Amino acid sequence: MGIPGRRPNKMEGWNYFNYFTEIEEYFWKKRGAYLLVSPLDWAIMETWQKAGVPLEAALKGIDKAFESYQRSRRGAGKPLKNLAYCTDAVLEAAEEQQEAAAGSAPKVVPKAASEAFSRDELKVYFAKNAIRLKHAAERALAQQPEIASRLTEIANSLESTTDILDTPGTLDLEDLERRLTILDEKIHALLTSHAPEELILKIRREVDGQLASYRRKMKAEQLAMVEKQYVQKRLLEEFGIPRLSLFYVS
């Protein structure tokens, strides 16, 4: 689902850390109603982020999708329900932006990524997530001891990462994000391997039902990525486990 010829780079001059909330709020405004973003919508936003879609392109694509929807028969008096309808338009907008930027001077980033958070803010975020991981481990201990043991290890690794925040000099948020991404990936692999089969089956049925009306519109690669992100998100919810990436600092 990545943009052809583009290597995703998280630390470019787009609104890195507010990526999800910016898209979420923009979608609310376009719909004209405040609604909680569904697990499917979150899965779709995460696939855009992982594909390296700039925030500006995501918002432009949403605009185009709404315009197209309102011109269609389905748009007569009915609101656009979720972001799945916007996927093609968002990816097209990202490709157009990439082509337009080819050969042009690099944009000036108004605010360095390293200024996005205070160290105290990050310490609170890490501590909160470490506590949630340990609570999840306690809940899983009786029925899934392997999950409990590994979650405790990951919580300890997260607490160790906090030491980086006390080092002098400029904080390298890109490297910090790499460390957190590794821990997130360990959690995903753990849950995929050790979660009860019936739970995973239930989640897969959920996403199949929600994507049923979009399968003809979305490419196989897009569907596979959305399904993967959806399953990961729902497993985290079932076990009460937080996402650790800096994208989820609030």
C-alpha atoms as a PDB file:
ATOM      1  CA  MET A   1       0.000   0.000   0.000  1.00  0.00           C
ATOM      2  CA  GLY A   2       3.058   2.244  -0.024  1.00  0.00           C
ATOM      3  CA  ILE A   3       3.494   5.014  -2.541  1.00  0.00           C
ATOM      4  CA  PRO A   4       5.380   3.708  -5.612  1.00  0.00           C
ATOM      5  CA  GLY A   5       9.061   4.640  -5.475  1.00  0.00           C
ATOM      6  CA  ARG A   6       8.701   6.132  -2.033  1.00  0.00           C
ATOM      7  CA  ARG A   7      10.405   4.936   1.101  1.00  0.00           C
ATOM      8  CA  PRO A   8       8.267   5.861   4.105  1.00  0.00           C
ATOM      9  CA  ASN A   9      10.041   8.393   6.305  1.00  0.00           C
ATOM     10  CA  LYS A  10       8.381   9.268   9.563  1.00  0.00           C
ATOM     11  CA  MET A  11      10.443  12.352  10.303  1.00  0.00           C
ATOM     12  CA  GLU A  12       9.652  14.477   7.260  1.00  0.00           C
ATOM     13  CA  GLY A  13       8.191  17.984   7.299  1.00  0.00           C
ATOM     14  CA  TRP A  14       4.583  16.921   7.866  1.00  0.00           C
ATOM     15  CA  ASN A  15       2.758  17.017  11.153  1.00  0.00           C
ATOM     16  CA  TYR A  16       4.454  13.937  12.520  1.00  0.00           C
ATOM     17  CA  PHE A  17       3.142  13.546  16.014  1.00  0.00           C
ATOM     18  CA  ASN A  18      -0.418  14.811  15.489  1.00  0.00           C
ATOM     19  CA  TYR A  19      -1.003  12.623  12.437  1.00  0.00           C
ATOM     20  CA  PHE A  20      -3.934  10.585  13.753  1.00  0.00           C
ATOM     21  CA  THR A  21      -5.693  13.343  15.677  1.00  0.00           C
ATOM     22  CA  GLU A  22      -5.462  15.768  12.730  1.00  0.00           C
ATOM     23  CA  ILE A  23      -7.055  13.229  10.373  1.00  0.00           C
ATOM     24  CA  GLU A  24      -9.671  12.260  12.952  1.00  0.00           C
ATOM     25  CA  GLU A  25     -10.740  15.861  13.601  1.00  0.00           C
ATOM     26  CA  TYR A  26     -10.734  16.721   9.896  1.00  0.00           C
ATOM     27  CA  PHE A  27     -12.974  13.749   9.136  1.00  0.00           C
ATOM     28  CA  TRP A  28     -15.398  14.866  11.875  1.00  0.00           C
ATOM     29  CA  LYS A  29     -15.585  18.350  10.351  1.00  0.00           C
ATOM     30  CA  LYS A  30     -16.223  17.000   6.871  1.00  0.00           C
ATOM     31  CA  ARG A  31     -19.008  14.783   8.183  1.00  0.00           C
ATOM     32  CA  GLY A  32     -20.484  17.600  10.227  1.00  0.00           C
ATOM     33  CA  ALA A  33     -20.851  15.355  13.248  1.00  0.00           C
ATOM     34  CA  TYR A  34     -18.682  14.175  16.122  1.00  0.00           C
ATOM     35  CA  LEU A  35     -18.454  10.402  16.146  1.00  0.00           C
ATOM     36  CA  LEU A  36     -15.946   8.093  17.753  1.00  0.00           C
ATOM     37  CA  VAL A  37     -13.519   6.786  15.159  1.00  0.00           C
ATOM     38  CA  SER A  38     -14.066   3.060  14.715  1.00  0.00           C
ATOM     39  CA  PRO A  39     -11.352   0.378  14.985  1.00  0.00           C
ATOM     40  CA  LEU A  40     -11.588   0.070  11.199  1.00  0.00           C
ATOM     41  CA  ASP A  41     -10.929   3.801  10.752  1.00  0.00           C
ATOM     42  CA  TRP A  42      -7.918   3.593  13.063  1.00  0.00           C
ATOM     43  CA  ALA A  43      -6.588   0.613  11.130  1.00  0.00           C
ATOM     44  CA  ILE A  44      -6.900   2.587   7.900  1.00  0.00           C
ATOM     45  CA  MET A  45      -5.117   5.643   9.345  1.00  0.00           C
ATOM     46  CA  GLU A  46      -2.322   3.397  10.586  1.00  0.00           C
ATOM     47  CA  THR A  47      -1.860   1.899   7.121  1.00  0.00           C
ATOM     48  CA  TRP A  48      -1.542   5.413   5.685  1.00  0.00           C
ATOM     49  CA  GLN A  49       1.017   6.344   8.307  1.00  0.00           C
ATOM     50  CA  LYS A  50       3.048   3.176   7.735  1.00  0.00           C
ATOM     51  CA  ALA A  51       2.910   3.751   3.964  1.00  0.00           C
ATOM     52  CA  GLY A  52       4.483   7.192   4.442  1.00  0.00           C
ATOM     53  CA  VAL A  53       1.426   9.180   3.359  1.00  0.00           C
ATOM     54  CA  PRO A  54       1.989  12.838   4.364  1.00  0.00           C
ATOM     55  CA  LEU A  55      -0.691  14.441   6.511  1.00  0.00           C
ATOM     56  CA  GLU A  56      -1.339  17.110   3.866  1.00  0.00           C
ATOM     57  CA  ALA A  57      -2.008  14.411   1.260  1.00  0.00           C
ATOM     58  CA  ALA A  58      -4.306  12.506   3.615  1.00  0.00           C
ATOM     59  CA  LEU A  59      -6.457  15.595   4.188  1.00  0.00           C
ATOM     60  CA  LYS A  60      -6.501  16.454   0.486  1.00  0.00           C
ATOM     61  CA  GLY A  61      -7.548  12.902  -0.350  1.00  0.00           C
ATOM     62  CA  ILE A  62     -10.361  13.055   2.196  1.00  0.00           C
ATOM     63  CA  ASP A  63     -11.575  16.261   0.520  1.00  0.00           C
ATOM     64  CA  LYS A  64     -11.605  14.564  -2.877  1.00  0.00           C
ATOM     65  CA  ALA A  65     -13.381  11.497  -1.513  1.00  0.00           C
ATOM     66  CA  PHE A  66     -16.134  13.631   0.024  1.00  0.00           C
ATOM     67  CA  GLU A  67     -16.581  15.552  -3.231  1.00  0.00           C
ATOM     68  CA  SER A  68     -16.859  12.297  -5.172  1.00  0.00           C
ATOM     69  CA  TYR A  69     -19.246  10.798  -2.623  1.00  0.00           C
ATOM     70  CA  GLN A  70     -21.538  13.825  -2.640  1.00  0.00           C
ATOM     71  CA  ARG A  71     -21.801  13.660  -6.439  1.00  0.00           C
ATOM     72  CA  SER A  72     -22.745   9.983  -6.312  1.00  0.00           C
ATOM     73  CA  ARG A  73     -26.216   8.557  -5.765  1.00  0.00           C
ATOM     74  CA  ARG A  74     -25.140   7.140  -2.423  1.00  0.00           C
ATOM     75  CA  GLY A  75     -24.268  10.619  -1.208  1.00  0.00           C
ATOM     76  CA  ALA A  76     -27.835  11.917  -1.543  1.00  0.00           C
ATOM     77  CA  GLY A  77     -28.720  12.809   2.033  1.00  0.00           C
ATOM     78  CA  LYS A  78     -26.451  10.161   3.553  1.00  0.00           C
ATOM     79  CA  PRO A  79     -23.187  10.932   5.378  1.00  0.00           C
ATOM     80  CA  LEU A  80     -19.971   9.197   4.423  1.00  0.00           C
ATOM     81  CA  LYS A  81     -19.581   6.602   7.158  1.00  0.00           C
ATOM     82  CA  ASN A  82     -15.874   5.808   7.379  1.00  0.00           C
ATOM     83  CA  LEU A  83     -12.400   6.333   6.009  1.00  0.00           C
ATOM     84  CA  ALA A  84     -12.389   3.168   3.890  1.00  0.00           C
ATOM     85  CA  TYR A  85     -14.148   5.142   1.146  1.00  0.00           C
ATOM     86  CA  CYS A  86     -11.266   7.643   1.165  1.00  0.00           C
ATOM     87  CA  THR A  87      -8.374   5.206   0.714  1.00  0.00           C
ATOM     88  CA  ASP A  88      -7.921   5.435  -3.056  1.00  0.00           C
ATOM     89  CA  ALA A  89      -8.220   9.228  -3.073  1.00  0.00           C
ATOM     90  CA  VAL A  90      -5.692   9.556  -0.244  1.00  0.00           C
ATOM     91  CA  LEU A  91      -3.110   7.367  -1.985  1.00  0.00           C
ATOM     92  CA  GLU A  92      -3.642   9.256  -5.252  1.00  0.00           C
ATOM     93  CA  ALA A  93      -3.128  12.571  -3.442  1.00  0.00           C
ATOM     94  CA  ALA A  94       0.082  11.227  -1.888  1.00  0.00           C
ATOM     95  CA  GLU A  95       1.411  10.166  -5.293  1.00  0.00           C
ATOM     96  CA  GLU A  96       0.519  13.563  -6.775  1.00  0.00           C
ATOM     97  CA  GLN A  97       2.294  15.339  -3.937  1.00  0.00           C
ATOM     98  CA  GLN A  98       5.380  13.189  -4.406  1.00  0.00           C
ATOM     99  CA  GLU A  99       5.460  13.905  -8.145  1.00  0.00           C
ATOM    100  CA  ALA A 100       4.997  17.643  -7.571  1.00  0.00           C
ATOM    101  CA  ALA A 101       7.811  17.676  -5.018  1.00  0.00           C
ATOM    102  CA  ALA A 102      10.294  15.908  -7.319  1.00  0.00           C
ATOM    103  CA  GLY A 103      13.107  18.304  -8.107  1.00  0.00           C
ATOM    104  CA  SER A 104      11.686  21.121  -6.002  1.00  0.00           C
ATOM    105  CA  ALA A 105      13.476  22.734  -3.094  1.00  0.00           C
ATOM    106  CA  PRO A 106      12.916  21.012   0.250  1.00  0.00           C
ATOM    107  CA  LYS A 107      10.270  22.553   2.458  1.00  0.00           C
ATOM    108  CA  VAL A 108      11.307  24.384   5.582  1.00  0.00           C
ATOM    109  CA  VAL A 109      10.119  22.527   8.635  1.00  0.00           C
ATOM    110  CA  PRO A 110       8.645  25.174  10.957  1.00  0.00           C
ATOM    111  CA  LYS A 111       9.276  23.207  14.119  1.00  0.00           C
ATOM    112  CA  ALA A 112      11.905  20.558  14.671  1.00  0.00           C
ATOM    113  CA  ALA A 113      10.673  17.115  15.628  1.00  0.00           C
ATOM    114  CA  SER A 114      12.965  17.178  18.658  1.00  0.00           C
ATOM    115  CA  GLU A 115      10.903  20.069  20.098  1.00  0.00           C
ATOM    116  CA  ALA A 116       7.618  18.209  19.954  1.00  0.00           C
ATOM    117  CA  PHE A 117       7.612  16.951  23.560  1.00  0.00           C
ATOM    118  CA  SER A 118       9.166  17.887  26.848  1.00  0.00           C
ATOM    119  CA  ARG A 119      11.177  15.180  28.600  1.00  0.00           C
ATOM    120  CA  ASP A 120       8.813  15.288  31.554  1.00  0.00           C
ATOM    121  CA  GLU A 121       5.884  14.691  29.212  1.00  0.00           C
ATOM    122  CA  LEU A 122       7.610  11.638  27.753  1.00  0.00           C
ATOM    123  CA  LYS A 123       8.502  10.289  31.192  1.00  0.00           C
ATOM    124  CA  VAL A 124       4.835  10.420  32.178  1.00  0.00           C
ATOM    125  CA  TYR A 125       3.847   8.720  28.913  1.00  0.00           C
ATOM    126  CA  PHE A 126       6.389   5.913  29.361  1.00  0.00           C
ATOM    127  CA  ALA A 127       5.519   5.384  33.028  1.00  0.00           C
ATOM    128  CA  LYS A 128       1.790   5.216  32.270  1.00  0.00           C
ATOM    129  CA  ASN A 129       2.336   2.667  29.517  1.00  0.00           C
ATOM    130  CA  ALA A 130       4.676   0.544  31.641  1.00  0.00           C
ATOM    131  CA  ILE A 131       1.998   0.378  34.350  1.00  0.00           C
ATOM    132  CA  ARG A 132      -0.657  -0.605  31.805  1.00  0.00           C
ATOM    133  CA  LEU A 133       1.613  -3.346  30.443  1.00  0.00           C
ATOM    134  CA  LYS A 134       2.160  -4.753  33.933  1.00  0.00           C
ATOM    135  CA  HIS A 135      -1.564  -4.686  34.671  1.00  0.00           C
ATOM    136  CA  ALA A 136      -2.203  -6.519  31.396  1.00  0.00           C
ATOM    137  CA  ALA A 137       0.411  -9.086  32.418  1.00  0.00           C
ATOM    138  CA  GLU A 138      -1.324  -9.617  35.761  1.00  0.00           C
ATOM    139  CA  ARG A 139      -4.675 -10.183  34.055  1.00  0.00           C
ATOM    140  CA  ALA A 140      -3.168 -12.663  31.595  1.00  0.00           C
ATOM    141  CA  LEU A 141      -1.153 -14.623  34.163  1.00  0.00           C
ATOM    142  CA  ALA A 142      -3.725 -17.314  34.974  1.00  0.00           C
ATOM    143  CA  GLN A 143      -4.831 -18.169  31.429  1.00  0.00           C
ATOM    144  CA  GLN A 144      -1.882 -17.034  29.278  1.00  0.00           C
ATOM    145  CA  PRO A 145       1.328 -17.230  31.370  1.00  0.00           C
ATOM    146  CA  GLU A 146       3.584 -16.867  28.304  1.00  0.00           C
ATOM    147  CA  ILE A 147       1.879 -13.606  27.367  1.00  0.00           C
ATOM    148  CA  ALA A 148       2.134 -12.409  30.968  1.00  0.00           C
ATOM    149  CA  SER A 149       5.857 -13.163  31.167  1.00  0.00           C
ATOM    150  CA  ARG A 150       6.687 -11.451  27.892  1.00  0.00           C
ATOM    151  CA  LEU A 151       4.568  -8.384  28.684  1.00  0.00           C
ATOM    152  CA  THR A 152       6.457  -7.968  31.949  1.00  0.00           C
ATOM    153  CA  GLU A 153       9.756  -8.108  30.040  1.00  0.00           C
ATOM    154  CA  ILE A 154       8.525  -5.485  27.583  1.00  0.00           C
ATOM    155  CA  ALA A 155       7.360  -3.249  30.451  1.00  0.00           C
ATOM    156  CA  ASN A 156      10.840  -3.500  31.980  1.00  0.00           C
ATOM    157  CA  SER A 157      12.423  -2.624  28.627  1.00  0.00           C
ATOM    158  CA  LEU A 158      10.163   0.411  28.366  1.00  0.00           C
ATOM    159  CA  GLU A 159      11.175   1.540  31.856  1.00  0.00           C
ATOM    160  CA  SER A 160      14.841   1.168  30.865  1.00  0.00           C
ATOM    161  CA  THR A 161      14.216   3.324  27.813  1.00  0.00           C
ATOM    162  CA  THR A 162      13.235   6.142  30.159  1.00  0.00           C
ATOM    163  CA  ASP A 163      16.931   6.471  31.083  1.00  0.00           C
ATOM    164  CA  ILE A 164      17.535   7.965  27.628  1.00  0.00           C
ATOM    165  CA  LEU A 165      15.435  10.952  28.658  1.00  0.00           C
ATOM    166  CA  ASP A 166      17.983  11.853  31.343  1.00  0.00           C
ATOM    167  CA  THR A 167      20.957  12.002  28.977  1.00  0.00           C
ATOM    168  CA  PRO A 168      22.340  15.479  28.187  1.00  0.00           C
ATOM    169  CA  GLY A 169      22.151  16.991  24.720  1.00  0.00           C
ATOM    170  CA  THR A 170      19.432  17.034  22.092  1.00  0.00           C
ATOM    171  CA  LEU A 171      16.952  14.202  22.360  1.00  0.00           C
ATOM    172  CA  ASP A 172      16.903  12.040  19.222  1.00  0.00           C
ATOM    173  CA  LEU A 173      13.177  11.376  18.870  1.00  0.00           C
ATOM    174  CA  GLU A 174      13.646   9.437  15.655  1.00  0.00           C
ATOM    175  CA  ASP A 175      15.879   6.894  17.401  1.00  0.00           C
ATOM    176  CA  LEU A 176      13.526   6.830  20.374  1.00  0.00           C
ATOM    177  CA  GLU A 177      10.640   6.061  18.020  1.00  0.00           C
ATOM    178  CA  ARG A 178      12.656   3.170  16.557  1.00  0.00           C
ATOM    179  CA  ARG A 179      13.056   1.670  20.026  1.00  0.00           C
ATOM    180  CA  LEU A 180       9.352   2.014  20.768  1.00  0.00           C
ATOM    181  CA  THR A 181       8.438   0.540  17.393  1.00  0.00           C
ATOM    182  CA  ILE A 182      10.528  -2.541  18.200  1.00  0.00           C
ATOM    183  CA  LEU A 183       8.611  -3.001  21.463  1.00  0.00           C
ATOM    184  CA  ASP A 184       5.281  -2.499  19.660  1.00  0.00           C
ATOM    185  CA  GLU A 185       6.276  -5.128  17.106  1.00  0.00           C
ATOM    186  CA  LYS A 186       7.237  -7.576  19.859  1.00  0.00           C
ATOM    187  CA  ILE A 187       3.794  -7.127  21.397  1.00  0.00           C
ATOM    188  CA  HIS A 188       2.040  -7.692  18.061  1.00  0.00           C
ATOM    189  CA  ALA A 189       4.053 -10.856  17.405  1.00  0.00           C
ATOM    190  CA  LEU A 190       3.354 -12.110  20.928  1.00  0.00           C
ATOM    191  CA  LEU A 191      -0.403 -11.629  20.719  1.00  0.00           C
ATOM    192  CA  THR A 192      -0.658 -13.028  17.200  1.00  0.00           C
ATOM    193  CA  SER A 193       1.197 -16.170  18.305  1.00  0.00           C
ATOM    194  CA  HIS A 194      -0.361 -16.748  21.729  1.00  0.00           C
ATOM    195  CA  ALA A 195      -3.834 -15.175  21.774  1.00  0.00           C
ATOM    196  CA  PRO A 196      -6.679 -17.740  21.840  1.00  0.00           C
ATOM    197  CA  GLU A 197      -7.673 -18.908  18.371  1.00  0.00           C
ATOM    198  CA  GLU A 198     -11.351 -18.204  19.043  1.00  0.00           C
ATOM    199  CA  LEU A 199     -10.552 -14.589  19.893  1.00  0.00           C
ATOM    200  CA  ILE A 200      -8.592 -14.079  16.674  1.00  0.00           C
ATOM    201  CA  LEU A 201     -11.371 -15.776  14.709  1.00  0.00           C
ATOM    202  CA  LYS A 202     -13.960 -13.441  16.256  1.00  0.00           C
ATOM    203  CA  ILE A 203     -11.867 -10.390  15.337  1.00  0.00           C
ATOM    204  CA  ARG A 204     -11.344 -11.592  11.770  1.00  0.00           C
ATOM    205  CA  ARG A 205     -15.093 -12.040  11.398  1.00  0.00           C
ATOM    206  CA  GLU A 206     -15.562  -8.470  12.627  1.00  0.00           C
ATOM    207  CA  VAL A 207     -13.203  -6.968  10.073  1.00  0.00           C
ATOM    208  CA  ASP A 208     -14.585  -9.125   7.260  1.00  0.00           C
ATOM    209  CA  GLY A 209     -18.057  -7.791   8.013  1.00  0.00           C
ATOM    210  CA  GLN A 210     -16.926  -4.172   8.175  1.00  0.00           C
ATOM    211  CA  LEU A 211     -14.936  -4.389   4.945  1.00  0.00           C
ATOM    212  CA  ALA A 212     -17.571  -6.321   2.991  1.00  0.00           C
ATOM    213  CA  SER A 213     -18.920  -3.293   1.134  1.00  0.00           C
ATOM    214  CA  TYR A 214     -15.428  -1.962   0.318  1.00  0.00           C
ATOM    215  CA  ARG A 215     -13.741  -5.069  -1.076  1.00  0.00           C
ATOM    216  CA  ARG A 216     -14.474  -4.107  -4.672  1.00  0.00           C
ATOM    217  CA  LYS A 217     -13.156  -0.593  -4.152  1.00  0.00           C
ATOM    218  CA  MET A 218      -9.907  -1.434  -2.349  1.00  0.00           C
ATOM    219  CA  LYS A 219      -6.941  -3.262  -3.824  1.00  0.00           C
ATOM    220  CA  ALA A 220      -5.871  -6.628  -2.384  1.00  0.00           C
ATOM    221  CA  GLU A 221      -2.727  -5.086  -0.883  1.00  0.00           C
ATOM    222  CA  GLN A 222      -4.754  -2.340   0.791  1.00  0.00           C
ATOM    223  CA  LEU A 223      -7.242  -4.831   2.199  1.00  0.00           C
ATOM    224  CA  ALA A 224      -4.481  -7.039   3.583  1.00  0.00           C
ATOM    225  CA  MET A 225      -2.830  -4.127   5.389  1.00  0.00           C
ATOM    226  CA  VAL A 226      -6.100  -2.823   6.818  1.00  0.00           C
ATOM    227  CA  GLU A 227      -7.054  -6.311   8.013  1.00  0.00           C
ATOM    228  CA  LYS A 228      -3.657  -6.730   9.681  1.00  0.00           C
ATOM    229  CA  GLN A 229      -3.857  -3.364  11.436  1.00  0.00           C
ATOM    230  CA  TYR A 230      -7.430  -4.033  12.534  1.00  0.00           C
ATOM    231  CA  VAL A 231      -6.541  -7.402  14.067  1.00  0.00           C
ATOM    232  CA  GLN A 232      -3.546  -5.885  15.857  1.00  0.00           C
ATOM    233  CA  LYS A 233      -5.606  -3.013  17.267  1.00  0.00           C
ATOM    234  CA  ARG A 234      -8.421  -5.254  18.463  1.00  0.00           C
ATOM    235  CA  LEU A 235      -6.011  -7.688  20.134  1.00  0.00           C
ATOM    236  CA  LEU A 236      -4.455  -4.781  22.012  1.00  0.00           C
ATOM    237  CA  GLU A 237      -7.925  -3.682  23.122  1.00  0.00           C
ATOM    238  CA  GLU A 238      -8.872  -7.187  24.256  1.00  0.00           C
ATOM    239  CA  PHE A 239      -5.759  -7.461  26.441  1.00  0.00           C
ATOM    240  CA  GLY A 240      -5.809  -3.818  27.585  1.00  0.00           C
ATOM    241  CA  ILE A 241      -2.379  -3.097  26.107  1.00  0.00           C
ATOM    242  CA  PRO A 242      -1.384   0.425  24.963  1.00  0.00           C
ATOM    243  CA  ARG A 243       0.440   1.402  21.795  1.00  0.00           C
ATOM    244  CA  LEU A 244       3.914   2.636  22.730  1.00  0.00           C
ATOM    245  CA  SER A 245       4.826   4.697  19.653  1.00  0.00           C
ATOM    246  CA  LEU A 246       5.178   8.461  19.960  1.00  0.00           C
ATOM    247  CA  PHE A 247       2.271   8.745  17.532  1.00  0.00           C
ATOM    248  CA  TYR A 248      -0.003   7.909  20.471  1.00  0.00           C
ATOM    249  CA  VAL A 249       1.230  10.501  22.947  1.00  0.00           C
ATOM    250  CA  SER A 250      -1.765  12.515  24.094  1.00  0.00           C
END
